């Protein structure tokens, strides 16, 4: 008898130090195993480098593993994140697309460093780069950790509010990939496109409806209904939307760090029975 997908502890969204997480891929898998995760995906930002290590560790520990990625998208003045699940890490289209996104990240990081230096934080780029496990992917989170380490703020959240959001020194807008491009790369790699943590986007009801319509039109399949950053009410809201609009539902902690993350691996809210889990495919 096939197992009910709702009974599986699936975590299909987390990050290693190949992007802005703090743990090695194998250590992430070990933590997932200790937390009772049955099925997991590593979804580093615009980066595939940690997948082989994570897959090997998962095979050793008996965890089912889905290769993934989280692609940065510019849409309507917002930065959206599209998770690709079940992707082929050797897909030429996906590899080339992500390389283009990462090249823009470095230029943005250097400009952030210049802006922070102008307000008294000299060496910010170098400090953030030293925090990054992947020298080609220095993110705002790495700047935030560096500023916390030097005592500029008490925690990463405080750094973002003071320096790294619109209207603050250190905020540098950037144009990422288009929604259609990101979904096409994921689909070309044999993957399923998932709209990550939809409650985090600062859009009204009309814009959200438009976003979801466009996402479906370009080939999007699922919504991350259960995220580590979603409240119970938000889980119920996006479960209703997924069921009404014909999207499958995903679940992920969006785990980055034992200290910083809203939820640990395997501890995102449970999906309601009213939705179809995207992981029924695996």
Protein backbone atom coordinates (compact mmCIF):
# COMPACT_ATOMS: atom_id res chain seq x y z
CA UNK A 1 0.00 0.00 0.00
CA UNK A 2 1.33 3.43 -0.92
CA UNK A 3 2.02 5.80 1.97
CA UNK A 4 -0.29 8.79 2.36
CA UNK A 5 1.83 11.81 1.30
CA UNK A 6 0.33 13.87 4.16
CA UNK A 7 1.92 11.50 6.68
CA UNK A 8 5.44 12.11 5.33
CA UNK A 9 7.66 14.62 7.15
CA UNK A 10 8.84 16.47 4.05
CA UNK A 11 11.08 19.54 4.16
CA UNK A 12 11.56 20.87 0.65
CA UNK A 13 13.20 24.22 1.35
CA UNK A 14 16.51 24.75 3.15
CA UNK A 15 19.92 26.32 2.59
CA UNK A 16 23.55 25.35 3.07
CA UNK A 17 26.70 27.47 3.14
CA UNK A 18 26.78 27.23 -0.64
CA UNK A 19 24.34 30.16 -0.48
CA UNK A 20 23.32 31.95 2.73
CA UNK A 21 22.99 29.06 5.16
CA UNK A 22 25.61 28.35 7.79
CA UNK A 23 25.90 24.55 7.64
CA UNK A 24 27.55 22.21 5.16
CA UNK A 25 25.14 20.15 3.02
CA UNK A 26 26.04 16.90 4.77
CA UNK A 27 25.51 18.49 8.19
CA UNK A 28 22.09 19.74 7.06
CA UNK A 29 21.14 16.20 6.08
CA UNK A 30 22.34 14.86 9.43
CA UNK A 31 20.23 17.47 11.23
CA UNK A 32 17.22 16.57 9.11
CA UNK A 33 17.66 12.91 9.95
CA UNK A 34 17.88 13.71 13.67
CA UNK A 35 14.66 15.74 13.36
CA UNK A 36 12.72 12.90 11.77
CA UNK A 37 12.63 14.22 8.19
CA UNK A 38 11.65 11.52 5.66
CA UNK A 39 12.08 13.52 2.44
CA UNK A 40 14.16 16.65 1.92
CA UNK A 41 15.39 19.03 -0.73
CA UNK A 42 18.39 21.33 -0.63
CA UNK A 43 17.38 24.60 -2.31
CA UNK A 44 20.29 27.02 -2.22
CA UNK A 45 19.81 30.46 -3.75
CA UNK A 46 20.75 30.42 -7.45
CA UNK A 47 23.30 27.67 -6.76
CA UNK A 48 23.57 23.92 -7.36
CA UNK A 49 27.02 23.28 -5.87
CA UNK A 50 25.89 21.55 -2.67
CA UNK A 51 23.54 19.00 -4.22
CA UNK A 52 26.01 16.17 -4.78
CA UNK A 53 27.23 16.25 -1.18
CA UNK A 54 23.68 16.42 0.18
CA UNK A 55 22.49 13.57 -2.05
CA UNK A 56 25.36 11.35 -0.95
CA UNK A 57 24.72 12.06 2.73
CA UNK A 58 20.99 11.42 2.30
CA UNK A 59 21.65 8.07 0.63
CA UNK A 60 23.96 7.08 3.49
CA UNK A 61 21.36 8.03 6.12
CA UNK A 62 18.31 6.64 4.36
CA UNK A 63 16.56 9.96 3.67
CA UNK A 64 14.82 10.40 0.34
CA UNK A 65 16.41 13.37 -1.40
CA UNK A 66 15.10 15.74 -4.06
CA UNK A 67 17.64 18.02 -5.80
CA UNK A 68 16.47 21.61 -5.71
CA UNK A 69 17.30 25.28 -6.12
CA UNK A 70 15.73 28.64 -5.21
CA UNK A 71 15.79 31.13 -8.07
CA UNK A 72 15.63 34.90 -7.47
CA UNK A 73 13.01 36.71 -9.56
CA UNK A 74 12.10 40.37 -10.04
CA UNK A 75 8.35 40.89 -10.36
CA UNK A 76 6.32 44.07 -9.92
CA UNK A 77 8.91 45.75 -7.70
CA UNK A 78 9.19 42.67 -5.47
CA UNK A 79 11.86 39.99 -5.28
CA UNK A 80 10.12 36.64 -5.55
CA UNK A 81 11.69 33.27 -4.88
CA UNK A 82 10.82 30.30 -7.05
CA UNK A 83 11.87 26.91 -5.73
CA UNK A 84 12.71 24.27 -8.31
CA UNK A 85 12.25 20.69 -7.10
CA UNK A 86 13.46 17.53 -8.82
CA UNK A 87 15.85 19.41 -11.09
CA UNK A 88 18.72 17.91 -13.04
CA UNK A 89 21.84 19.73 -11.73
CA UNK A 90 23.54 19.18 -15.09
CA UNK A 91 20.80 20.82 -17.16
CA UNK A 92 22.56 23.28 -19.53
CA UNK A 93 19.63 25.72 -19.45
CA UNK A 94 19.46 25.79 -15.65
CA UNK A 95 23.23 25.98 -15.17
CA UNK A 96 23.58 28.88 -17.63
CA UNK A 97 20.58 30.76 -16.23
CA UNK A 98 21.83 30.55 -12.65
CA UNK A 99 25.33 31.63 -13.69
CA UNK A 100 23.82 34.81 -15.10
CA UNK A 101 21.91 35.50 -11.89
CA UNK A 102 25.03 34.96 -9.77
CA UNK A 103 27.09 37.36 -11.86
CA UNK A 104 24.65 40.11 -10.99
CA UNK A 105 24.84 39.19 -7.31
CA UNK A 106 28.56 39.98 -7.10
CA UNK A 107 28.18 43.47 -8.58
CA UNK A 108 25.34 44.15 -6.16
CA UNK A 109 27.40 42.90 -3.19
CA UNK A 110 30.28 45.21 -4.05
CA UNK A 111 27.93 48.19 -4.21
CA UNK A 112 26.40 47.25 -0.84
CA UNK A 113 29.94 47.19 0.56
CA UNK A 114 30.62 50.67 -0.79
CA UNK A 115 27.42 52.06 0.71
CA UNK A 116 28.12 50.54 4.12
CA UNK A 117 31.68 51.87 4.02
CA UNK A 118 30.26 55.34 3.42
CA UNK A 119 28.36 55.15 6.73
CA UNK A 120 31.32 53.96 8.77
CA UNK A 121 31.64 50.24 8.08
CA UNK A 122 34.85 50.02 6.09
CA UNK A 123 35.74 46.56 4.78
CA UNK A 124 32.13 45.44 4.64
CA UNK A 125 32.44 43.61 1.32
CA UNK A 126 35.57 41.78 2.38
CA UNK A 127 34.01 40.93 5.75
CA UNK A 128 30.83 39.60 4.15
CA UNK A 129 32.83 37.61 1.60
CA UNK A 130 34.77 35.97 4.42
CA UNK A 131 31.44 34.93 5.96
CA UNK A 132 30.28 33.28 2.74
CA UNK A 133 31.04 29.63 2.09
CA UNK A 134 30.73 30.39 -1.61
CA UNK A 135 32.88 33.36 -2.69
CA UNK A 136 30.71 33.82 -5.77
CA UNK A 137 27.52 34.30 -3.80
CA UNK A 138 27.81 37.07 -1.21
CA UNK A 139 24.32 37.98 -0.01
CA UNK A 140 22.71 40.56 2.25
CA UNK A 141 22.61 37.90 4.96
CA UNK A 142 26.40 37.66 4.92
CA UNK A 143 26.67 41.44 5.36
CA UNK A 144 24.17 41.20 8.22
CA UNK A 145 26.17 38.49 9.99
CA UNK A 146 29.37 40.50 9.60
CA UNK A 147 27.72 43.61 11.07
CA UNK A 148 26.40 41.60 14.02
CA UNK A 149 29.87 40.17 14.62
CA UNK A 150 31.39 43.64 14.77
CA UNK A 151 28.70 44.86 17.17
CA UNK A 152 26.78 47.17 14.84
CA UNK A 153 23.48 45.46 15.77
CA UNK A 154 22.30 42.75 18.14
CA UNK A 155 21.00 40.34 15.52
CA UNK A 156 20.53 39.80 11.79
CA UNK A 157 16.94 41.04 11.78
CA UNK A 158 18.01 44.35 13.34
CA UNK A 159 20.71 44.77 10.68
CA UNK A 160 18.19 44.36 7.87
CA UNK A 161 15.88 46.96 9.39
CA UNK A 162 18.69 49.46 9.93
CA UNK A 163 20.77 48.99 6.80
CA UNK A 164 19.53 46.56 4.15
CA UNK A 165 15.92 47.42 3.29
CA UNK A 166 14.61 50.15 0.95
CA UNK A 167 15.38 53.64 2.18
CA UNK A 168 18.34 52.55 4.30
CA UNK A 169 22.08 52.78 3.63
CA UNK A 170 23.24 49.48 2.24
CA UNK A 171 20.09 48.74 0.25
CA UNK A 172 20.88 48.20 -3.41
CA UNK A 173 17.98 47.31 -5.73
CA UNK A 174 18.72 44.64 -8.27
CA UNK A 175 17.00 43.11 -11.27
CA UNK A 176 17.00 39.34 -10.99
CA UNK A 177 15.60 36.90 -13.55
CA UNK A 178 12.10 37.24 -14.99
CA UNK A 179 9.41 34.92 -13.67
CA UNK A 180 9.04 33.21 -17.04
CA UNK A 181 12.82 32.68 -17.27
CA UNK A 182 13.10 31.09 -13.83
CA UNK A 183 10.20 28.72 -14.43
CA UNK A 184 11.48 27.81 -17.89
CA UNK A 185 14.94 26.95 -16.48
CA UNK A 186 13.36 24.74 -13.83
CA UNK A 187 11.09 22.98 -16.30
CA UNK A 188 13.94 22.51 -18.80
CA UNK A 189 15.81 20.74 -15.98
CA UNK A 190 12.88 18.37 -15.46
CA UNK A 191 11.79 20.12 -12.28
CA UNK A 192 8.62 21.44 -10.69
CA UNK A 193 8.32 25.18 -10.02
CA UNK A 194 7.04 26.24 -6.57
CA UNK A 195 6.27 29.78 -5.39
CA UNK A 196 8.15 30.05 -2.09
CA UNK A 197 6.73 31.57 1.13
CA UNK A 198 3.96 33.64 -0.55
CA UNK A 199 2.92 35.39 2.67
CA UNK A 200 6.23 37.25 2.76
CA UNK A 201 5.60 39.29 -0.38
CA UNK A 202 4.39 42.83 0.17
CA UNK A 203 1.52 42.73 -2.30
CA UNK A 204 -2.21 43.30 -2.04
CA UNK A 205 -4.94 40.87 -3.03
CA UNK A 206 -5.16 42.07 -6.64
CA UNK A 207 -1.39 41.87 -7.17
CA UNK A 208 -1.28 38.43 -5.54
CA UNK A 209 -4.01 37.20 -7.88
CA UNK A 210 -2.12 38.60 -10.86
CA UNK A 211 1.13 37.01 -9.64
CA UNK A 212 -0.47 33.59 -9.27
CA UNK A 213 -2.16 33.82 -12.66
CA UNK A 214 1.14 34.68 -14.33
CA UNK A 215 2.95 31.96 -12.39
CA UNK A 216 0.46 29.36 -13.58
CA UNK A 217 0.53 30.68 -17.15
CA UNK A 218 4.31 30.31 -17.42
CA UNK A 219 4.24 26.78 -16.00
CA UNK A 220 4.24 27.10 -12.21
CA UNK A 221 2.89 24.04 -10.43
CA UNK A 222 2.80 24.55 -6.66
CA UNK A 223 2.65 27.03 -3.78
CA UNK A 224 4.68 26.70 -0.59
CA UNK A 225 1.62 26.61 1.64
CA UNK A 226 3.52 25.60 4.78
CA UNK A 227 6.65 27.66 5.38
CA UNK A 228 8.73 28.15 8.48
CA UNK A 229 7.82 31.85 8.30
CA UNK A 230 4.04 31.30 7.86
CA UNK A 231 1.56 31.60 10.71
CA UNK A 232 -1.26 29.06 11.09
CA UNK A 233 -3.71 31.55 9.58
CA UNK A 234 -1.40 32.07 6.60
CA UNK A 235 -1.12 28.31 6.09
CA UNK A 236 -4.91 28.04 6.03
CA UNK A 237 -5.20 31.01 3.68
CA UNK A 238 -2.75 29.67 1.11
CA UNK A 239 -4.17 26.17 1.40
CA UNK A 240 -7.54 27.60 0.37
CA UNK A 241 -5.90 29.45 -2.52
CA UNK A 242 -3.99 26.37 -3.66
CA UNK A 243 -7.13 24.22 -3.60
CA UNK A 244 -9.25 26.84 -5.36
CA UNK A 245 -6.67 27.64 -8.06
CA UNK A 246 -5.51 24.09 -8.75
CA UNK A 247 -1.98 24.39 -7.37
CA UNK A 248 -0.24 21.58 -5.54
CA UNK A 249 1.14 22.45 -2.09
CA UNK A 250 4.68 22.35 -0.77
CA UNK A 251 6.16 22.46 2.73
CA UNK A 252 9.56 23.73 3.83
CA UNK A 253 11.24 25.19 6.87
CA UNK A 254 13.40 27.65 4.87
CA UNK A 255 16.09 26.67 7.35
CA UNK A 256 19.34 28.70 7.19
CA UNK A 257 20.91 28.49 10.62
CA UNK A 258 20.29 26.99 14.06
CA UNK A 259 20.37 30.52 15.48
CA UNK A 260 18.56 32.60 12.85
CA UNK A 261 15.78 30.47 11.40
CA UNK A 262 12.07 30.68 12.23
CA UNK A 263 11.76 26.88 12.12
CA UNK A 264 14.16 23.98 12.36
CA UNK A 265 14.39 21.32 9.67
CA UNK A 266 11.23 19.23 9.64
CA UNK A 267 9.27 21.66 11.82
CA UNK A 268 7.32 23.74 9.32
CA UNK A 269 3.54 23.66 9.85
CA UNK A 270 1.74 20.53 8.66
CA UNK A 271 -0.14 20.71 5.35
CA UNK A 272 -3.94 20.60 5.62
CA UNK A 273 -5.65 17.54 4.16
CA UNK A 274 -7.45 19.77 1.64
CA UNK A 275 -4.37 20.17 -0.57
CA UNK A 276 -2.32 17.82 -2.74
CA UNK A 277 1.30 17.62 -1.53
CA UNK A 278 3.74 18.30 -4.34
CA UNK A 279 5.93 15.47 -3.06
CA UNK A 280 3.42 12.80 -4.14
CA UNK A 281 5.65 12.77 -7.24
CA UNK A 282 8.64 11.42 -5.30
